[in-house]
N, C-alpha and C. Protein backbone atom coordinates (compact mmCIF):
# COMPACT_ATOMS: atom_id res chain seq x y z
N MET A 1 -10.01 5.73 11.88
CA MET A 1 -10.91 4.97 11.14
C MET A 1 -10.66 3.45 10.88
N ARG A 2 -11.44 2.47 11.02
CA ARG A 2 -11.17 1.32 11.12
C ARG A 2 -10.90 0.77 9.75
N LEU A 3 -10.06 -0.19 9.58
CA LEU A 3 -9.14 -0.81 8.50
C LEU A 3 -10.13 -1.93 8.04
N PRO A 4 -10.14 -1.93 6.60
CA PRO A 4 -10.95 -2.99 5.98
C PRO A 4 -10.45 -4.36 6.46
N ARG A 5 -10.94 -5.50 6.30
CA ARG A 5 -10.61 -6.88 6.86
C ARG A 5 -10.57 -7.53 5.64
N ASP A 6 -11.09 -7.35 4.51
CA ASP A 6 -10.77 -8.25 3.41
C ASP A 6 -10.00 -7.94 2.21
N VAL A 7 -8.98 -7.26 2.39
CA VAL A 7 -8.19 -6.51 1.50
C VAL A 7 -7.09 -7.61 0.86
N SER A 8 -6.96 -7.86 -0.19
CA SER A 8 -5.93 -8.67 -0.86
C SER A 8 -4.70 -7.80 -1.15
N GLY A 9 -3.78 -8.69 -1.21
CA GLY A 9 -2.33 -7.85 -1.70
C GLY A 9 -2.49 -7.10 -3.03
N ARG A 10 -2.87 -7.81 -3.88
CA ARG A 10 -3.18 -7.48 -5.36
C ARG A 10 -4.27 -6.24 -5.43
N ASP A 11 -5.24 -6.24 -4.78
CA ASP A 11 -6.20 -5.28 -4.55
C ASP A 11 -5.55 -3.70 -3.93
N LEU A 12 -4.69 -4.18 -2.87
CA LEU A 12 -4.03 -2.96 -2.23
C LEU A 12 -3.16 -2.30 -3.23
N ALA A 13 -2.30 -3.25 -4.24
CA ALA A 13 -1.52 -2.52 -5.10
C ALA A 13 -2.08 -1.92 -6.13
N HIS A 14 -3.40 -2.47 -6.52
CA HIS A 14 -4.04 -1.73 -7.55
C HIS A 14 -4.71 -0.12 -6.94
N ARG A 15 -5.19 -0.37 -5.79
CA ARG A 15 -5.40 0.96 -5.02
C ARG A 15 -4.25 1.80 -5.01
N LEU A 16 -3.40 1.48 -4.63
CA LEU A 16 -2.05 2.36 -4.31
C LEU A 16 -1.33 2.77 -5.65
N SER A 17 -1.85 2.29 -6.73
CA SER A 17 -1.50 2.78 -8.13
C SER A 17 -2.17 4.22 -8.22
N LYS A 18 -3.25 4.41 -7.58
CA LYS A 18 -4.06 5.72 -8.00
C LYS A 18 -3.29 6.71 -7.25
N CYS A 19 -2.48 6.47 -6.32
CA CYS A 19 -1.70 7.35 -5.56
C CYS A 19 -0.33 7.81 -6.09
N GLY A 20 -0.13 7.00 -7.25
CA GLY A 20 1.20 7.25 -7.84
C GLY A 20 2.12 6.27 -7.82
N TYR A 21 1.77 5.21 -7.05
CA TYR A 21 2.79 3.94 -7.06
C TYR A 21 2.68 3.24 -8.13
N ARG A 22 3.62 2.50 -8.61
CA ARG A 22 3.78 1.65 -9.51
C ARG A 22 4.43 0.22 -9.15
N ILE A 23 3.92 -0.89 -9.93
CA ILE A 23 4.48 -2.11 -9.63
C ILE A 23 5.92 -2.21 -10.19
N ASP A 24 6.93 -2.57 -9.48
CA ASP A 24 8.18 -2.25 -9.97
C ASP A 24 8.59 -3.73 -10.56
N HIS A 25 8.21 -4.87 -9.31
CA HIS A 25 8.65 -6.26 -9.95
C HIS A 25 7.86 -7.03 -8.65
N GLN A 26 7.88 -8.37 -9.25
CA GLN A 26 7.22 -9.23 -8.03
C GLN A 26 8.17 -10.34 -7.94
N THR A 27 8.53 -11.01 -6.72
CA THR A 27 9.37 -11.97 -6.70
C THR A 27 8.48 -12.92 -5.53
N GLY A 28 8.05 -14.13 -6.22
CA GLY A 28 7.43 -15.17 -5.49
C GLY A 28 6.06 -14.36 -5.15
N SER A 29 5.71 -14.40 -3.92
CA SER A 29 4.59 -13.83 -3.51
C SER A 29 4.43 -12.67 -2.87
N HIS A 30 5.60 -11.75 -3.29
CA HIS A 30 5.55 -10.16 -2.79
C HIS A 30 5.74 -9.40 -3.88
N ILE A 31 5.20 -8.14 -3.91
CA ILE A 31 4.88 -7.27 -4.94
C ILE A 31 5.65 -5.99 -4.32
N ARG A 32 6.76 -5.51 -5.28
CA ARG A 32 7.39 -4.43 -4.89
C ARG A 32 6.76 -3.20 -5.74
N MET A 33 6.36 -2.35 -4.80
CA MET A 33 5.81 -0.83 -5.50
C MET A 33 6.84 0.23 -5.23
N SER A 34 6.75 1.13 -6.26
CA SER A 34 7.77 2.37 -6.23
C SER A 34 6.98 3.53 -6.48
N LEU A 35 7.35 4.71 -5.65
CA LEU A 35 7.13 5.95 -5.90
C LEU A 35 8.12 6.73 -6.35
N ASP A 36 8.23 7.24 -7.60
CA ASP A 36 9.35 7.88 -8.52
C ASP A 36 9.67 9.37 -7.93
N ASP A 37 8.61 9.96 -7.31
CA ASP A 37 8.90 11.29 -7.24
C ASP A 37 9.99 11.26 -5.91
N PRO A 38 10.94 12.26 -6.38
CA PRO A 38 12.01 12.44 -5.08
C PRO A 38 11.60 12.63 -3.86
N PRO A 39 11.94 12.06 -2.73
CA PRO A 39 12.97 11.08 -2.99
C PRO A 39 12.10 9.75 -3.07
N GLN A 40 12.63 8.97 -3.76
CA GLN A 40 12.08 7.67 -4.09
C GLN A 40 11.56 6.64 -2.73
N HIS A 41 10.28 6.01 -3.15
CA HIS A 41 9.85 5.18 -1.83
C HIS A 41 9.55 3.92 -2.54
N HIS A 42 9.97 2.84 -1.76
CA HIS A 42 9.71 1.49 -2.15
C HIS A 42 8.91 0.93 -0.90
N ILE A 43 7.96 0.02 -1.31
CA ILE A 43 6.92 -0.75 -0.53
C ILE A 43 6.69 -2.02 -1.12
N THR A 44 6.82 -3.03 -0.20
CA THR A 44 6.72 -4.27 -0.38
C THR A 44 5.37 -4.79 0.26
N ILE A 45 4.67 -5.44 -0.74
CA ILE A 45 3.24 -5.89 -0.37
C ILE A 45 3.25 -7.40 -0.50
N PRO A 46 2.66 -8.21 0.48
CA PRO A 46 2.53 -9.55 0.19
C PRO A 46 1.39 -9.79 -0.64
N ALA A 47 1.48 -10.79 -1.80
CA ALA A 47 0.38 -10.85 -2.58
C ALA A 47 -0.51 -12.09 -2.06
N HIS A 48 -1.03 -11.89 -0.87
CA HIS A 48 -1.81 -12.77 -0.19
C HIS A 48 -3.23 -12.62 -0.50
N GLU A 49 -4.05 -13.49 -0.46
CA GLU A 49 -5.83 -13.43 -0.38
C GLU A 49 -6.20 -12.38 0.58
N ASP A 50 -6.11 -12.40 1.84
CA ASP A 50 -6.32 -11.52 2.94
C ASP A 50 -5.02 -10.87 3.61
N LEU A 51 -4.83 -9.57 3.50
CA LEU A 51 -3.70 -9.27 4.30
C LEU A 51 -3.90 -9.19 5.93
N ARG A 52 -3.17 -9.44 6.59
CA ARG A 52 -3.34 -9.40 8.05
C ARG A 52 -3.51 -7.90 8.30
N VAL A 53 -4.16 -7.35 9.45
CA VAL A 53 -4.55 -6.16 9.93
C VAL A 53 -3.33 -5.46 10.34
N GLY A 54 -2.30 -6.25 10.88
CA GLY A 54 -1.07 -5.29 11.37
C GLY A 54 -0.37 -5.19 9.97
N THR A 55 -0.31 -5.95 9.25
CA THR A 55 0.61 -5.86 7.79
C THR A 55 -0.07 -4.68 6.93
N LEU A 56 -1.19 -4.56 6.99
CA LEU A 56 -1.92 -3.54 6.21
C LEU A 56 -1.98 -2.22 6.83
N ASN A 57 -1.75 -2.16 8.33
CA ASN A 57 -1.77 -0.87 8.91
C ASN A 57 -0.26 -0.58 8.67
N ALA A 58 0.64 -1.37 8.88
CA ALA A 58 2.14 -0.90 8.64
C ALA A 58 2.47 -0.36 7.08
N ILE A 59 1.72 -0.90 6.26
CA ILE A 59 1.97 -0.46 4.86
C ILE A 59 1.24 0.95 4.74
N LEU A 60 0.06 0.99 5.26
CA LEU A 60 -0.72 2.29 4.98
C LEU A 60 -0.07 3.51 5.72
N ARG A 61 0.38 3.15 6.85
CA ARG A 61 1.11 4.08 7.64
C ARG A 61 2.44 4.75 7.01
N ALA A 62 3.17 3.65 6.28
CA ALA A 62 4.30 4.08 5.58
C ALA A 62 4.13 5.01 4.37
N VAL A 63 3.17 4.66 3.56
CA VAL A 63 2.44 5.21 2.48
C VAL A 63 1.84 6.69 2.84
N ALA A 64 1.09 6.89 4.06
CA ALA A 64 0.68 8.09 4.40
C ALA A 64 1.80 9.06 4.96
N GLU A 65 2.88 8.47 5.57
CA GLU A 65 4.00 9.16 5.99
C GLU A 65 4.87 9.59 4.84
N ARG A 66 5.10 9.12 3.73
CA ARG A 66 5.75 9.26 2.42
C ARG A 66 4.63 10.47 1.77
N LEU A 67 3.40 10.33 1.66
CA LEU A 67 2.70 11.34 1.05
C LEU A 67 2.22 12.58 1.80
N GLY A 68 2.77 12.53 3.19
CA GLY A 68 2.55 13.65 3.89
C GLY A 68 1.05 13.79 4.38
N VAL A 69 0.17 12.66 4.43
CA VAL A 69 -1.22 12.89 4.70
C VAL A 69 -1.53 11.95 6.14
N GLU A 70 -2.44 12.17 6.67
CA GLU A 70 -2.98 11.37 7.74
C GLU A 70 -3.38 9.93 7.36
N ARG A 71 -3.06 9.09 8.24
CA ARG A 71 -3.36 7.49 7.73
C ARG A 71 -5.08 7.56 7.57
N ASP A 72 -5.84 8.01 8.26
CA ASP A 72 -7.21 7.84 8.19
C ASP A 72 -7.71 8.76 6.72
N GLU A 73 -6.95 9.72 6.30
CA GLU A 73 -7.35 10.58 5.05
C GLU A 73 -6.98 9.29 3.92
N LEU A 74 -5.66 8.76 4.24
CA LEU A 74 -5.27 7.84 3.15
C LEU A 74 -6.41 6.58 2.96
N ILE A 75 -6.89 6.13 4.08
CA ILE A 75 -7.77 5.18 4.01
C ILE A 75 -9.22 5.69 3.42
N ARG A 76 -9.63 6.91 3.44
CA ARG A 76 -10.75 7.38 3.04
C ARG A 76 -10.32 7.46 1.53
N ARG A 77 -9.40 7.81 1.03
CA ARG A 77 -8.92 7.89 -0.52
C ARG A 77 -9.16 6.56 -1.01
N LEU A 78 -8.41 5.62 -0.30
CA LEU A 78 -8.29 4.35 -1.04
C LEU A 78 -9.51 3.22 -0.98
N PHE A 79 -10.27 3.43 -0.03
CA PHE A 79 -11.29 2.55 0.43
C PHE A 79 -12.64 3.41 0.35
């Protein structure tokens, strides 16, 4: 499935909150999100206007692996 091209870091953080992630803290232009279910999982998202496709892909791949779903399924859930 094709990745969206106009996703901001804040928008992605909001969408990931629907999957159980919560904003842990923000330092500068980076948002750290955590999933508290054991084992814990932390992901850092740049709070930029439009995320680069490679950055978005890496974040979604890591989240999909942690949640135990395919990346395409996660994209369908989020977008």
